[in-house]
Amino acid sequence: MSKRYRFFIILATVAIAFAFLYPTLRWYFMVPKEDQTLALGSREQIKSYANRKAQADIKELKELAKNGGYVPDGLSFLIKIAKENYKLAKRPAPQKWDARAVLSAFAGEKEALDAIESKYREEILALKDLHQSAVQLGLDLSGGMSVVIQANLDSLKERLGRDLTDADKEDAMNRALEVLNSRIDKFGLTEPVIRRQGNDQIYVEIPGAADPERINSIIMGKGRLAFHIVDDEATTAFRSYYREHPSDTFDGEGNLLNPSVIPADTVVRGFYNKDKYGLDTFVDYIVIKKEVGLDGNHIKNALVDRDQITGRPEVTFLLDSEGGELFYKLTSANVNKSLAIVLDDKVKSYARIQEPIRDSVRLTGFGADEANNIALILRTAALPIDLEVVNQQAIGASLGEDTIRQGLNALLGGIAAVMVFMLLYYKGAGINAMIAQILNLFLMFSILSAFNLTLTLPSIAGFILTIGMAVDANVIVFERIKEELRLGKSRKAAIDAGFDKAFWAIMDSNITTFIAALFLSQLGTGPIQGFAVSLAIGVISSVFTALFVSRLIFDFGTDILNQKSVSISWRIK
């Protein structure tokens, strides 16, 4: 491979690595602490904050408009919207864009309020997405959340229609643990603690900031998805009844005060859509058949796709053979009727059955996040038992901030000492090794960020070990080059022979280490697994920098700088 191609490969690798690492750098070093706190709040808290700030801003803007004041810098984005509104309304633009002119561009105070609230909402939700893309810190570095989840054995008893045996309870709890483990892994979290607590509780520790929505994303409600036939006539009648009796239709627990308003074989469920904050928003009531047409447990696999016409997200899933037969019978008997998709007693979508469907089903009517969540529920199987969070609290870092700082300083000091030694012992070639090691660290952390892995002290230890291994590879190459120089070879010949003769010695040692890391990552758990994953990442990165990058740096000196000798030892001129 030519040197030019190798140079472009390195540039492309660095650019891609920076793109992966940028969200982490931005979140931890560019986003103010107060904004981080806002982004880590729940969506309900974000909605309340954005609405509150918008109310205060619109009040300030109205006062400025009365006094002939100008729009504050923080609300200058409204001027751009106002100009667009004037243009659409074909109104002449005002000579000066003061607060009064800006407010008059909106149809009413509500429209201006919505524009301001949208600005706050978009900024905070963008920061929340940024946090999800950044490297998460483990429990030992930043603390996290501890959650106690209660299993509802009574609901399982109702589902099975019989008393539970000890074997039923044990099987349900073991399956719930397995599903939770699978879901946490799917969300890119590493080193969680998930264990049984008593007979009917599960204890979970998740590293990272105390974000309640992370737990909700993992549990995702009860995880019960089912298909029900909609009673269209009963739905129309009930909606009419509810409009006439809005205050005396339901009791405090949501039960019908007069059950006779709907047929005996039906139930009333709310139909919900996601609002702009991603929160479930009630739309209307729908009457569905009590009998479950198809249970979500018959689903084998689920994927998120895009509708080719509308571009909206849709969930496509495959049924097992039994589920396919049940669904075919259900849809065959109810052509031209509506089918409701019910998740945790909420109707998420419903559509008219055009023709019988057997084993491949498409669900539409979801946003991107909700589609991914539903697909994840279906892939990891519905929870065998209803789970509810009974206790949730933040936990501090186990090592403490001072100990963490001292440990990181010690690790960075060790790396610096290695680099100084390489510089003093190998002279100019030591600079080559330093550049390779800095790039090695950069690549390792970018891979960590790309896969959204969690950084813990064992992970850092794995990285430091690979730094030592990478330096060892440089030492092998440098010593080989020195041997060739002692034989009287030229700079180019010595470098070529040094890398060629050191190649397999370096590869053999790194391949065996990589194999050991793979076994540790598969067989180990907790800190051992974190150490193994970081070690495997470091091995790949160190081989690239020690053999590929370091070689190009030497070739640059030979071909571009026209160097004739190699600065690699105090005893070799």
Protein backbone atom coordinates (compact mmCIF):
# COMPACT_ATOMS: atom_id res chain seq x y z
CA MET A 1 0.00 0.00 0.00
CA SER A 2 1.39 3.41 -0.94
CA LYS A 3 2.25 5.96 1.72
CA ARG A 4 -0.35 8.37 0.37
CA TYR A 5 -3.15 5.83 0.83
CA ARG A 6 -1.91 5.01 4.33
CA PHE A 7 -1.90 8.71 5.17
CA PHE A 8 -5.49 9.15 3.96
CA ILE A 9 -6.57 6.04 5.89
CA ILE A 10 -5.12 7.52 9.08
CA LEU A 11 -6.79 10.89 8.41
CA ALA A 12 -10.12 9.19 7.78
CA THR A 13 -9.74 7.09 10.94
CA VAL A 14 -8.97 10.17 13.04
CA ALA A 15 -11.92 12.07 11.55
CA ILE A 16 -14.36 9.21 12.18
CA ALA A 17 -12.98 8.73 15.70
CA PHE A 18 -13.45 12.44 16.43
CA ALA A 19 -17.04 12.28 15.18
CA PHE A 20 -17.71 9.43 17.61
CA LEU A 21 -15.91 11.14 20.49
CA TYR A 22 -17.36 14.62 19.94
CA PRO A 23 -20.66 13.99 21.81
CA THR A 24 -18.68 12.91 24.87
CA LEU A 25 -16.33 15.91 24.68
CA ARG A 26 -19.24 18.28 24.19
CA TRP A 27 -21.35 16.83 27.03
CA TYR A 28 -18.60 16.76 29.66
CA PHE A 29 -16.62 19.87 28.69
CA MET A 30 -18.91 22.26 26.77
CA VAL A 31 -22.36 21.91 28.33
CA PRO A 32 -22.79 23.95 31.54
CA LYS A 33 -23.70 22.05 34.70
CA GLU A 34 -27.09 23.74 34.99
CA ASP A 35 -27.99 22.67 31.45
CA GLN A 36 -26.86 19.11 32.21
CA THR A 37 -29.17 19.08 35.21
CA LEU A 38 -32.10 20.21 33.06
CA ALA A 39 -31.38 17.59 30.38
CA LEU A 40 -31.18 14.80 32.97
CA GLY A 41 -34.62 15.60 34.33
CA SER A 42 -37.72 13.67 33.33
CA ARG A 43 -39.75 14.77 30.31
CA GLU A 44 -42.49 15.95 32.64
CA GLN A 45 -39.95 18.20 34.38
CA ILE A 46 -38.67 19.48 31.03
CA LYS A 47 -42.21 20.27 29.93
CA SER A 48 -42.93 22.14 33.15
CA TYR A 49 -39.66 24.10 32.90
CA ALA A 50 -40.15 25.06 29.24
CA ASN A 51 -43.73 26.18 29.87
CA ARG A 52 -42.73 28.17 32.95
CA LYS A 53 -39.86 29.92 31.15
CA ALA A 54 -42.07 30.68 28.15
CA GLN A 55 -44.73 32.22 30.40
CA ALA A 56 -42.11 34.47 32.03
CA ASP A 57 -40.64 35.47 28.65
CA ILE A 58 -44.00 36.34 27.09
CA LYS A 59 -44.84 38.46 30.13
CA GLU A 60 -41.52 40.33 29.79
CA LEU A 61 -42.08 40.78 26.05
CA LYS A 62 -45.54 42.29 26.64
CA GLU A 63 -44.09 44.77 29.13
CA LEU A 64 -41.39 45.76 26.64
CA ALA A 65 -44.01 46.18 23.93
CA LYS A 66 -45.99 48.58 26.13
CA ASN A 67 -42.90 50.68 26.79
CA GLY A 68 -41.53 50.59 23.23
CA GLY A 69 -38.59 48.38 24.19
CA TYR A 70 -36.59 46.02 22.03
CA VAL A 71 -36.53 42.24 22.02
CA PRO A 72 -33.96 40.83 24.52
CA ASP A 73 -31.00 38.93 23.08
CA GLY A 74 -32.32 35.69 24.53
CA LEU A 75 -35.50 36.04 22.45
CA SER A 76 -33.90 37.36 19.25
CA PHE A 77 -34.88 34.13 17.47
CA LEU A 78 -38.45 35.48 17.48
CA ILE A 79 -37.43 38.20 15.02
CA LYS A 80 -36.67 35.59 12.34
CA ILE A 81 -40.04 33.91 12.95
CA ALA A 82 -41.78 37.30 12.88
CA LYS A 83 -40.19 38.18 9.52
CA GLU A 84 -41.45 34.89 8.09
CA ASN A 85 -44.95 35.55 9.46
CA TYR A 86 -45.02 39.05 7.93
CA LYS A 87 -43.89 37.59 4.62
CA LEU A 88 -46.53 34.84 4.64
CA ALA A 89 -49.24 37.36 5.56
CA LYS A 90 -47.98 39.70 2.78
CA ARG A 91 -47.75 42.53 5.27
CA PRO A 92 -45.18 45.33 4.96
CA ALA A 93 -42.26 44.81 7.33
CA PRO A 94 -41.91 47.40 10.11
CA GLN A 95 -39.04 49.89 10.04
CA LYS A 96 -37.71 48.64 13.38
CA TRP A 97 -38.07 45.21 14.96
CA ASP A 98 -38.98 46.14 18.50
CA ALA A 99 -41.03 44.03 20.93
CA ARG A 100 -44.33 45.47 19.69
CA ALA A 101 -43.56 44.68 16.04
CA VAL A 102 -42.49 41.15 16.89
CA LEU A 103 -45.60 40.41 18.95
CA SER A 104 -47.87 41.80 16.24
CA ALA A 105 -46.41 39.22 13.80
CA PHE A 106 -48.14 36.41 15.70
CA ALA A 107 -51.85 35.60 15.46
CA GLY A 108 -52.15 35.77 19.22
CA GLU A 109 -50.34 35.44 22.52
CA LYS A 110 -50.75 31.64 22.42
CA GLU A 111 -48.86 31.38 19.12
CA ALA A 112 -45.96 33.48 20.46
CA LEU A 113 -45.95 31.41 23.67
CA ASP A 114 -45.76 28.18 21.66
CA ALA A 115 -42.84 29.52 19.61
CA ILE A 116 -40.87 30.39 22.76
CA GLU A 117 -41.70 27.10 24.45
CA SER A 118 -40.65 25.17 21.33
CA LYS A 119 -37.24 26.83 21.50
CA TYR A 120 -36.67 25.73 25.09
CA ARG A 121 -38.04 22.25 24.39
CA GLU A 122 -35.84 21.64 21.35
CA GLU A 123 -32.69 22.81 23.11
CA ILE A 124 -33.19 20.66 26.22
CA LEU A 125 -34.32 17.54 24.35
CA ALA A 126 -31.28 17.93 22.06
CA LEU A 127 -29.07 17.93 25.17
CA LYS A 128 -30.87 14.84 26.46
CA ASP A 129 -30.11 13.07 23.16
CA LEU A 130 -26.50 14.27 23.41
CA HIS A 131 -26.18 12.70 26.86
CA GLN A 132 -27.41 9.38 25.51
CA SER A 133 -24.65 9.49 22.85
CA ALA A 134 -21.87 10.30 25.32
CA VAL A 135 -19.73 7.85 27.29
CA GLN A 136 -21.46 6.99 30.56
CA LEU A 137 -19.46 6.81 33.78
CA GLY A 138 -19.74 3.73 35.97
CA LEU A 139 -20.99 3.50 39.54
CA ASP A 140 -17.45 3.72 40.89
CA LEU A 141 -16.77 6.99 39.02
CA SER A 142 -20.04 8.93 39.08
CA GLY A 143 -22.58 6.96 41.08
CA GLY A 144 -25.92 6.08 39.55
CA MET A 145 -29.36 4.80 40.51
CA SER A 146 -30.51 2.01 42.75
CA VAL A 147 -34.00 0.73 42.08
CA VAL A 148 -36.18 -1.83 43.80
CA ILE A 149 -38.71 -3.40 41.43
CA GLN A 150 -41.74 -5.25 42.77
CA ALA A 151 -43.21 -8.22 40.90
CA ASN A 152 -47.00 -8.32 40.90
CA LEU A 153 -47.76 -11.98 41.59
CA ASP A 154 -51.50 -11.32 41.84
CA SER A 155 -51.64 -10.20 38.20
CA LEU A 156 -49.78 -13.35 37.16
CA LYS A 157 -52.34 -15.41 39.08
CA GLU A 158 -55.18 -13.68 37.21
CA ARG A 159 -53.41 -14.19 33.88
CA LEU A 160 -52.93 -17.92 34.47
CA GLY A 161 -56.39 -18.36 36.00
CA ARG A 162 -55.15 -20.54 38.86
CA ASP A 163 -53.19 -20.42 42.09
CA LEU A 164 -49.44 -20.08 41.66
CA THR A 165 -47.09 -22.86 42.64
CA ASP A 166 -43.57 -22.20 43.90
CA ALA A 167 -42.30 -23.37 40.51
CA ASP A 168 -44.52 -20.80 38.74
CA LYS A 169 -43.17 -17.97 40.89
CA GLU A 170 -39.55 -19.07 40.48
CA ASP A 171 -39.88 -19.42 36.71
CA ALA A 172 -41.57 -16.02 36.34
CA MET A 173 -38.90 -14.25 38.42
CA ASN A 174 -36.04 -15.94 36.57
CA ARG A 175 -37.54 -14.99 33.21
CA ALA A 176 -38.04 -11.40 34.39
CA LEU A 177 -34.36 -11.23 35.40
CA GLU A 178 -33.36 -12.59 32.00
CA VAL A 179 -35.52 -10.07 30.13
CA LEU A 180 -34.25 -7.13 32.20
CA ASN A 181 -30.65 -8.21 31.59
CA SER A 182 -31.35 -8.40 27.86
CA ARG A 183 -32.99 -4.99 27.77
CA ILE A 184 -30.20 -3.30 29.70
CA ASP A 185 -27.61 -4.79 27.34
CA LYS A 186 -29.67 -3.60 24.38
CA PHE A 187 -29.47 -0.06 25.73
CA GLY A 188 -25.67 -0.14 25.70
CA LEU A 189 -25.20 -0.15 29.46
CA THR A 190 -22.42 -2.20 30.97
CA GLU A 191 -21.69 -3.42 34.46
CA PRO A 192 -25.17 -3.09 35.94
CA VAL A 193 -26.11 -4.95 39.11
CA ILE A 194 -29.31 -7.00 38.76
CA ARG A 195 -30.22 -9.54 41.42
CA ARG A 196 -33.16 -11.11 43.21
CA GLN A 197 -34.21 -9.55 46.48
CA GLY A 198 -36.52 -11.77 48.49
CA ASN A 199 -39.22 -13.77 46.73
CA ASP A 200 -40.87 -11.09 44.63
CA GLN A 201 -38.45 -8.17 44.21
CA ILE A 202 -35.55 -7.33 41.91
CA TYR A 203 -32.74 -4.95 42.87
CA VAL A 204 -31.07 -2.97 40.08
CA GLU A 205 -28.09 -0.62 40.11
CA ILE A 206 -27.41 1.35 36.92
CA PRO A 207 -24.37 3.60 36.50
CA GLY A 208 -24.70 7.16 35.30
CA ALA A 209 -26.65 10.25 36.22
CA ALA A 210 -29.84 9.74 38.20
CA ASP A 211 -32.18 9.87 35.20
CA PRO A 212 -35.53 8.22 36.07
CA GLU A 213 -36.38 7.82 32.38
CA ARG A 214 -33.53 5.33 31.97
CA ILE A 215 -35.35 2.95 34.28
CA ASN A 216 -38.63 3.58 32.45
CA SER A 217 -36.87 2.83 29.15
CA ILE A 218 -35.61 -0.47 30.52
CA ILE A 219 -38.82 -1.66 32.16
CA MET A 220 -41.04 0.15 29.64
CA GLY A 221 -44.14 -0.32 31.71
CA LYS A 222 -45.51 -3.80 32.18
CA GLY A 223 -44.45 -4.81 28.69
CA ARG A 224 -47.86 -6.31 27.92
CA LEU A 225 -48.80 -5.93 24.28
CA ALA A 226 -51.97 -7.44 22.87
CA PHE A 227 -54.35 -7.05 19.92
CA HIS A 228 -58.07 -6.45 20.48
CA ILE A 229 -60.97 -6.01 18.09
CA VAL A 230 -62.55 -2.53 18.34
CA ASP A 231 -66.32 -2.28 18.79
CA ASP A 232 -66.92 0.70 16.51
CA GLU A 233 -70.64 1.12 17.33
CA ALA A 234 -70.00 0.96 21.07
CA THR A 235 -67.15 3.44 20.69
CA THR A 236 -69.38 5.98 18.93
CA ALA A 237 -72.14 5.52 21.52
CA PHE A 238 -69.75 5.83 24.45
CA ARG A 239 -68.11 8.99 23.14
CA SER A 240 -71.55 10.56 22.79
CA TYR A 241 -72.47 9.48 26.32
CA TYR A 242 -69.19 10.83 27.73
CA ARG A 243 -69.73 14.25 26.12
CA GLU A 244 -73.05 14.48 27.95
CA HIS A 245 -71.75 13.10 31.28
CA PRO A 246 -68.08 14.19 31.54
CA SER A 247 -68.03 14.35 35.34
CA ASP A 248 -70.01 11.25 36.30
CA THR A 249 -68.80 8.60 33.82
CA PHE A 250 -65.80 7.29 35.81
CA ASP A 251 -65.02 6.98 39.49
CA GLY A 252 -61.72 8.06 41.07
CA GLU A 253 -59.98 4.86 39.95
CA GLY A 254 -61.13 5.08 36.34
CA ASN A 255 -63.90 2.49 36.58
CA LEU A 256 -67.23 3.04 34.86
CA LEU A 257 -69.94 4.21 37.26
CA ASN A 258 -72.59 2.80 34.89
CA PRO A 259 -71.21 -0.37 33.23
CA SER A 260 -74.36 -0.75 31.14
CA VAL A 261 -73.30 2.06 28.80
CA ILE A 262 -71.09 -0.44 26.94
CA PRO A 263 -71.69 -4.11 26.00
CA ALA A 264 -70.78 -6.67 28.66
CA ASP A 265 -68.00 -8.20 26.57
CA THR A 266 -66.13 -4.90 26.07
CA VAL A 267 -63.97 -2.48 28.06
CA VAL A 268 -63.12 1.20 27.66
CA ARG A 269 -59.49 2.13 27.03
CA GLY A 270 -57.85 5.46 26.37
CA PHE A 271 -56.22 6.20 23.01
CA TYR A 272 -52.89 8.00 23.41
CA ASN A 273 -50.47 9.81 21.11
CA LYS A 274 -47.03 11.17 21.89
CA ASP A 275 -46.82 14.94 22.31
CA LYS A 276 -43.82 17.07 21.36
CA TYR A 277 -42.09 16.11 24.60
CA GLY A 278 -42.48 12.40 23.92
CA LEU A 279 -45.12 12.04 26.65
CA ASP A 280 -48.33 10.05 26.29
CA THR A 281 -51.20 12.46 25.64
CA PHE A 282 -54.82 11.37 25.89
CA VAL A 283 -56.76 11.73 22.63
CA ASP A 284 -60.08 9.92 23.08
CA TYR A 285 -61.76 6.80 24.43
CA ILE A 286 -62.09 3.56 22.46
CA VAL A 287 -64.25 0.56 23.32
CA ILE A 288 -62.51 -2.76 22.63
CA LYS A 289 -63.41 -6.41 23.12
CA LYS A 290 -62.30 -7.89 26.45
CA GLU A 291 -61.07 -11.03 24.77
CA VAL A 292 -57.44 -10.82 23.70
CA GLY A 293 -57.26 -11.49 19.98
CA LEU A 294 -53.52 -12.18 20.05
CA ASP A 295 -50.98 -12.01 22.87
CA GLY A 296 -47.57 -10.43 22.30
CA ASN A 297 -45.80 -13.59 23.48
CA HIS A 298 -46.33 -15.12 20.01
CA ILE A 299 -43.95 -12.61 18.43
CA LYS A 300 -40.59 -14.02 17.28
CA ASN A 301 -38.79 -10.90 16.04
CA ALA A 302 -39.46 -7.22 15.51
CA LEU A 303 -37.72 -4.53 13.47
CA VAL A 304 -38.21 -0.78 13.01
CA ASP A 305 -38.59 0.33 9.40
CA ARG A 306 -39.84 3.35 7.47
CA ASP A 307 -42.99 3.54 5.42
CA GLN A 308 -41.92 4.04 1.81
CA ILE A 309 -44.69 6.53 1.14
CA THR A 310 -45.05 8.57 4.33
CA GLY A 311 -41.55 8.03 5.76
CA ARG A 312 -43.04 7.49 9.24
CA PRO A 313 -41.59 4.80 11.53
CA GLU A 314 -43.34 1.43 11.58
CA VAL A 315 -42.75 -1.76 13.53
CA THR A 316 -42.70 -4.96 11.53
CA PHE A 317 -42.76 -8.24 13.43
CA LEU A 318 -43.00 -11.94 12.71
CA LEU A 319 -45.26 -14.37 14.56
CA ASP A 320 -44.55 -17.96 15.47
CA SER A 321 -46.59 -20.70 13.78
CA GLU A 322 -49.25 -20.80 16.51
CA GLY A 323 -49.51 -17.03 16.61
CA GLY A 324 -49.74 -16.90 12.82
CA GLU A 325 -52.72 -19.26 12.82
CA LEU A 326 -54.45 -17.34 15.62
CA PHE A 327 -53.90 -14.01 13.91
CA TYR A 328 -55.08 -15.33 10.56
CA LYS A 329 -58.32 -16.59 12.12
CA LEU A 330 -58.76 -13.31 14.01
CA THR A 331 -58.27 -11.09 10.97
CA SER A 332 -60.27 -13.40 8.67
CA ALA A 333 -63.30 -13.20 10.97
CA ASN A 334 -63.08 -9.42 11.37
CA VAL A 335 -62.38 -7.99 7.92
CA ASN A 336 -63.46 -4.33 7.70
CA LYS A 337 -63.39 -4.02 11.49
CA SER A 338 -60.75 -2.09 13.45
CA LEU A 339 -57.91 -3.79 15.30
CA ALA A 340 -56.43 -2.02 18.34
CA ILE A 341 -52.82 -2.39 19.46
CA VAL A 342 -52.92 -2.16 23.25
CA LEU A 343 -49.73 -1.67 25.25
CA ASP A 344 -50.10 -1.68 29.04
CA ASP A 345 -53.86 -0.93 28.84
CA LYS A 346 -53.29 2.03 26.51
CA VAL A 347 -54.42 1.95 22.89
CA LYS A 348 -51.35 3.02 20.95
CA SER A 349 -52.71 2.55 17.46
CA TYR A 350 -55.67 1.08 15.65
CA ALA A 351 -56.42 0.42 12.01
CA ARG A 352 -59.05 -1.22 9.84
CA ILE A 353 -58.42 -4.83 8.80
CA GLN A 354 -58.39 -4.84 5.01
CA GLU A 355 -57.59 -8.54 4.51
CA PRO A 356 -56.54 -11.62 6.51
CA ILE A 357 -52.97 -11.45 7.87
CA ARG A 358 -50.97 -14.53 8.82
CA ASP A 359 -47.38 -14.17 10.09
CA SER A 360 -45.96 -10.72 9.21
CA VAL A 361 -47.57 -7.68 10.84
CA ARG A 362 -46.90 -3.96 10.48
CA LEU A 363 -47.68 -1.51 13.29
CA THR A 364 -47.92 2.19 12.45
CA GLY A 365 -48.86 5.36 14.27
CA PHE A 366 -45.76 5.64 16.46
CA GLY A 367 -42.95 8.13 16.81
CA ALA A 368 -39.36 7.00 16.29
CA ASP A 369 -38.54 6.56 20.00
CA GLU A 370 -41.76 4.72 20.77
CA ALA A 371 -41.34 2.47 17.71
CA ASN A 372 -37.86 1.51 18.90
CA ASN A 373 -39.13 0.85 22.42
CA ILE A 374 -41.99 -1.34 21.20
CA ALA A 375 -39.67 -3.27 18.88
CA LEU A 376 -37.29 -3.79 21.80
CA ILE A 377 -40.10 -5.12 23.99
CA LEU A 378 -41.13 -7.54 21.28
CA ARG A 379 -37.58 -8.73 20.56
CA THR A 380 -36.77 -9.38 24.20
CA ALA A 381 -40.18 -10.99 24.84
CA ALA A 382 -42.98 -9.55 26.91
CA LEU A 383 -42.30 -9.57 30.62
CA PRO A 384 -43.76 -12.72 32.17
CA ILE A 385 -44.89 -10.77 35.20
CA ASP A 386 -45.94 -7.17 35.82
CA LEU A 387 -43.16 -5.10 37.41
CA GLU A 388 -43.50 -1.83 39.28
CA VAL A 389 -40.81 0.48 40.70
CA VAL A 390 -41.36 0.73 44.46
CA ASN A 391 -38.16 2.53 45.41
CA GLN A 392 -35.70 4.58 43.39
CA GLN A 393 -32.81 6.67 44.66
CA ALA A 394 -29.50 8.10 43.55
CA ILE A 395 -26.32 6.52 44.89
CA GLY A 396 -22.94 8.21 45.14
CA ALA A 397 -19.69 7.12 43.56
CA SER A 398 -18.22 4.32 45.65
CA LEU A 399 -14.70 5.73 45.59
CA GLY A 400 -15.42 9.38 46.26
CA GLU A 401 -14.35 12.34 44.13
CA ASP A 402 -10.97 12.84 45.84
CA THR A 403 -10.01 9.19 45.45
CA ILE A 404 -11.10 9.21 41.81
CA ARG A 405 -9.04 12.33 41.13
CA GLN A 406 -6.00 10.82 42.81
CA GLY A 407 -6.40 7.58 40.88
CA LEU A 408 -6.75 9.33 37.52
CA ASN A 409 -3.77 11.57 38.30
CA ALA A 410 -1.72 8.49 39.14
CA LEU A 411 -2.74 6.83 35.87
CA LEU A 412 -1.97 9.92 33.80
CA GLY A 413 1.31 10.32 35.66
CA GLY A 414 2.23 6.75 34.79
CA ILE A 415 1.50 7.35 31.12
CA ALA A 416 3.54 10.56 31.17
CA ALA A 417 6.45 8.74 32.83
CA VAL A 418 6.41 6.06 30.12
CA MET A 419 6.43 8.72 27.42
CA VAL A 420 9.30 10.63 29.05
CA PHE A 421 11.30 7.41 29.29
CA MET A 422 10.71 6.64 25.60
CA LEU A 423 11.76 10.17 24.67
CA LEU A 424 14.96 10.06 26.75
CA TYR A 425 15.98 6.53 25.82
CA TYR A 426 15.06 6.49 22.13
CA LYS A 427 15.60 10.20 21.35
CA GLY A 428 13.76 11.21 18.14
CA ALA A 429 12.10 7.81 17.80
CA GLY A 430 10.59 8.43 21.23
CA ILE A 431 8.57 11.29 19.70
CA ASN A 432 7.25 8.75 17.21
CA ALA A 433 6.17 6.50 20.09
CA MET A 434 4.56 9.44 21.94
CA ILE A 435 2.47 10.42 18.90
CA ALA A 436 1.39 6.80 18.43
CA GLN A 437 0.38 6.47 22.10
CA ILE A 438 -1.60 9.73 22.15
CA LEU A 439 -3.44 8.59 19.02
CA ASN A 440 -3.94 5.19 20.65
CA LEU A 441 -5.66 6.76 23.67
CA PHE A 442 -7.76 8.92 21.36
CA LEU A 443 -8.92 5.92 19.32
CA MET A 444 -9.69 3.82 22.40
CA PHE A 445 -11.95 6.44 23.94
CA SER A 446 -13.63 7.13 20.60
CA ILE A 447 -14.50 3.42 20.27
CA LEU A 448 -15.84 3.54 23.82
CA SER A 449 -18.02 6.49 22.82
CA ALA A 450 -19.09 4.92 19.51
CA PHE A 451 -20.55 1.86 21.24
CA ASN A 452 -21.94 3.94 24.15
CA LEU A 453 -20.06 1.81 26.68
CA THR A 454 -19.66 2.65 30.36
CA LEU A 455 -16.32 3.86 31.67
CA THR A 456 -15.26 2.37 35.02
CA LEU A 457 -11.97 2.09 36.86
CA PRO A 458 -11.48 -1.52 35.65
CA SER A 459 -12.02 -0.21 32.11
CA ILE A 460 -9.40 2.47 32.67
CA ALA A 461 -7.05 -0.21 34.00
CA GLY A 462 -7.58 -2.19 30.78
CA PHE A 463 -6.70 0.87 28.72
CA ILE A 464 -3.55 1.54 30.73
CA LEU A 465 -2.45 -2.06 30.26
CA THR A 466 -2.83 -1.71 26.50
CA ILE A 467 -0.77 1.50 26.61
CA GLY A 468 2.04 -0.55 28.14
CA MET A 469 1.57 -3.24 25.51
CA ALA A 470 1.63 -0.66 22.73
CA VAL A 471 4.87 0.80 24.10
CA ASP A 472 6.24 -2.72 24.24
CA ALA A 473 5.48 -3.07 20.52
CA ASN A 474 7.38 0.17 19.85
CA VAL A 475 10.31 -1.10 21.89
CA ILE A 476 10.46 -4.35 19.85
CA VAL A 477 10.39 -2.40 16.59
CA PHE A 478 12.99 0.15 17.75
CA GLU A 479 15.38 -2.53 18.97
CA ARG A 480 15.07 -4.35 15.65
CA ILE A 481 15.82 -1.11 13.80
CA LYS A 482 18.89 -0.55 16.01
CA GLU A 483 20.15 -4.05 15.18
CA GLU A 484 19.81 -3.31 11.46
CA LEU A 485 21.59 0.03 11.82
CA ARG A 486 24.51 -1.70 13.59
CA LEU A 487 24.83 -3.91 10.49
CA GLY A 488 25.48 -0.76 8.50
CA LYS A 489 22.16 -0.53 6.67
CA SER A 490 20.68 2.77 5.50
CA ARG A 491 17.81 4.49 7.29
CA LYS A 492 15.15 3.18 4.85
CA ALA A 493 16.52 -0.37 4.78
CA ALA A 494 16.86 -0.51 8.58
CA ILE A 495 13.29 0.75 9.15
CA ASP A 496 11.83 -1.66 6.57
CA ALA A 497 13.70 -4.64 8.01
CA GLY A 498 12.93 -3.62 11.61
CA PHE A 499 9.17 -3.51 11.05
CA ASP A 500 9.14 -6.68 8.93
CA LYS A 501 11.05 -8.72 11.50
CA ALA A 502 9.04 -7.36 14.46
CA PHE A 503 5.63 -7.80 12.78
CA TRP A 504 4.82 -11.39 13.73
CA ALA A 505 6.28 -11.13 17.22
CA ILE A 506 3.94 -8.20 17.90
CA MET A 507 0.96 -9.83 16.19
CA ASP A 508 1.38 -13.14 18.05
CA SER A 509 1.43 -11.48 21.46
CA ASN A 510 -1.56 -9.24 20.67
CA ILE A 511 -3.64 -12.04 19.13
CA THR A 512 -3.19 -14.23 22.22
CA THR A 513 -4.11 -11.27 24.46
CA PHE A 514 -7.16 -10.54 22.31
CA ILE A 515 -8.32 -14.16 22.56
CA ALA A 516 -7.94 -14.05 26.35
CA ALA A 517 -9.91 -10.77 26.46
CA LEU A 518 -12.72 -12.32 24.40
CA PHE A 519 -13.01 -15.25 26.79
CA LEU A 520 -13.00 -12.92 29.80
CA SER A 521 -15.69 -10.72 28.23
CA GLN A 522 -17.93 -13.74 27.60
CA LEU A 523 -17.33 -15.65 30.82
CA GLY A 524 -16.75 -12.79 33.23
CA THR A 525 -19.25 -10.38 34.74
CA GLY A 526 -19.13 -6.93 36.29
CA PRO A 527 -15.64 -5.39 36.63
CA ILE A 528 -13.97 -8.39 34.94
CA GLN A 529 -16.12 -7.94 31.84
CA GLY A 530 -15.46 -4.19 31.76
CA PHE A 531 -11.72 -4.82 32.01
CA ALA A 532 -11.86 -7.44 29.23
CA VAL A 533 -13.84 -5.23 26.82
CA SER A 534 -11.48 -2.28 27.27
CA LEU A 535 -8.48 -4.60 26.87
CA ALA A 536 -9.85 -5.98 23.59
CA ILE A 537 -10.49 -2.45 22.29
CA GLY A 538 -6.99 -1.41 23.33
CA VAL A 539 -5.34 -4.37 21.62
CA ILE A 540 -6.91 -3.52 18.25
CA SER A 541 -6.08 0.17 18.61
CA SER A 542 -2.48 -0.40 19.77
CA VAL A 543 -1.67 -2.74 16.87
CA PHE A 544 -2.95 -0.10 14.43
CA THR A 545 -0.90 2.72 15.97
CA ALA A 546 2.30 0.71 16.65
CA LEU A 547 2.56 -0.87 13.20
CA PHE A 548 0.59 1.35 10.84
CA VAL A 549 0.90 4.88 12.25
CA SER A 550 4.43 4.56 13.60
CA ARG A 551 5.66 3.15 10.28
CA LEU A 552 4.15 6.08 8.36
CA ILE A 553 5.84 8.59 10.68
CA PHE A 554 9.24 6.98 9.96
CA ASP A 555 8.50 6.97 6.22
CA PHE A 556 7.51 10.64 6.38
CA GLY A 557 10.93 11.48 7.80
CA THR A 558 12.64 9.43 5.11
CA ASP A 559 10.70 10.51 2.01
CA ILE A 560 9.45 14.02 2.85
CA LEU A 561 12.10 15.39 5.23
CA ASN A 562 14.91 13.49 3.43
CA GLN A 563 16.47 12.35 6.70
CA LYS A 564 19.46 10.05 6.22
CA SER A 565 19.96 8.84 9.79
CA VAL A 566 17.66 7.57 12.53
CA SER A 567 17.59 9.32 15.91
CA ILE A 568 16.96 6.20 17.95
CA SER A 569 19.87 5.71 20.33
CA TRP A 570 22.59 7.68 22.09
CA ARG A 571 25.15 5.10 20.94
CA ILE A 572 24.20 4.98 17.26
CA LYS A 573 24.99 7.97 15.06
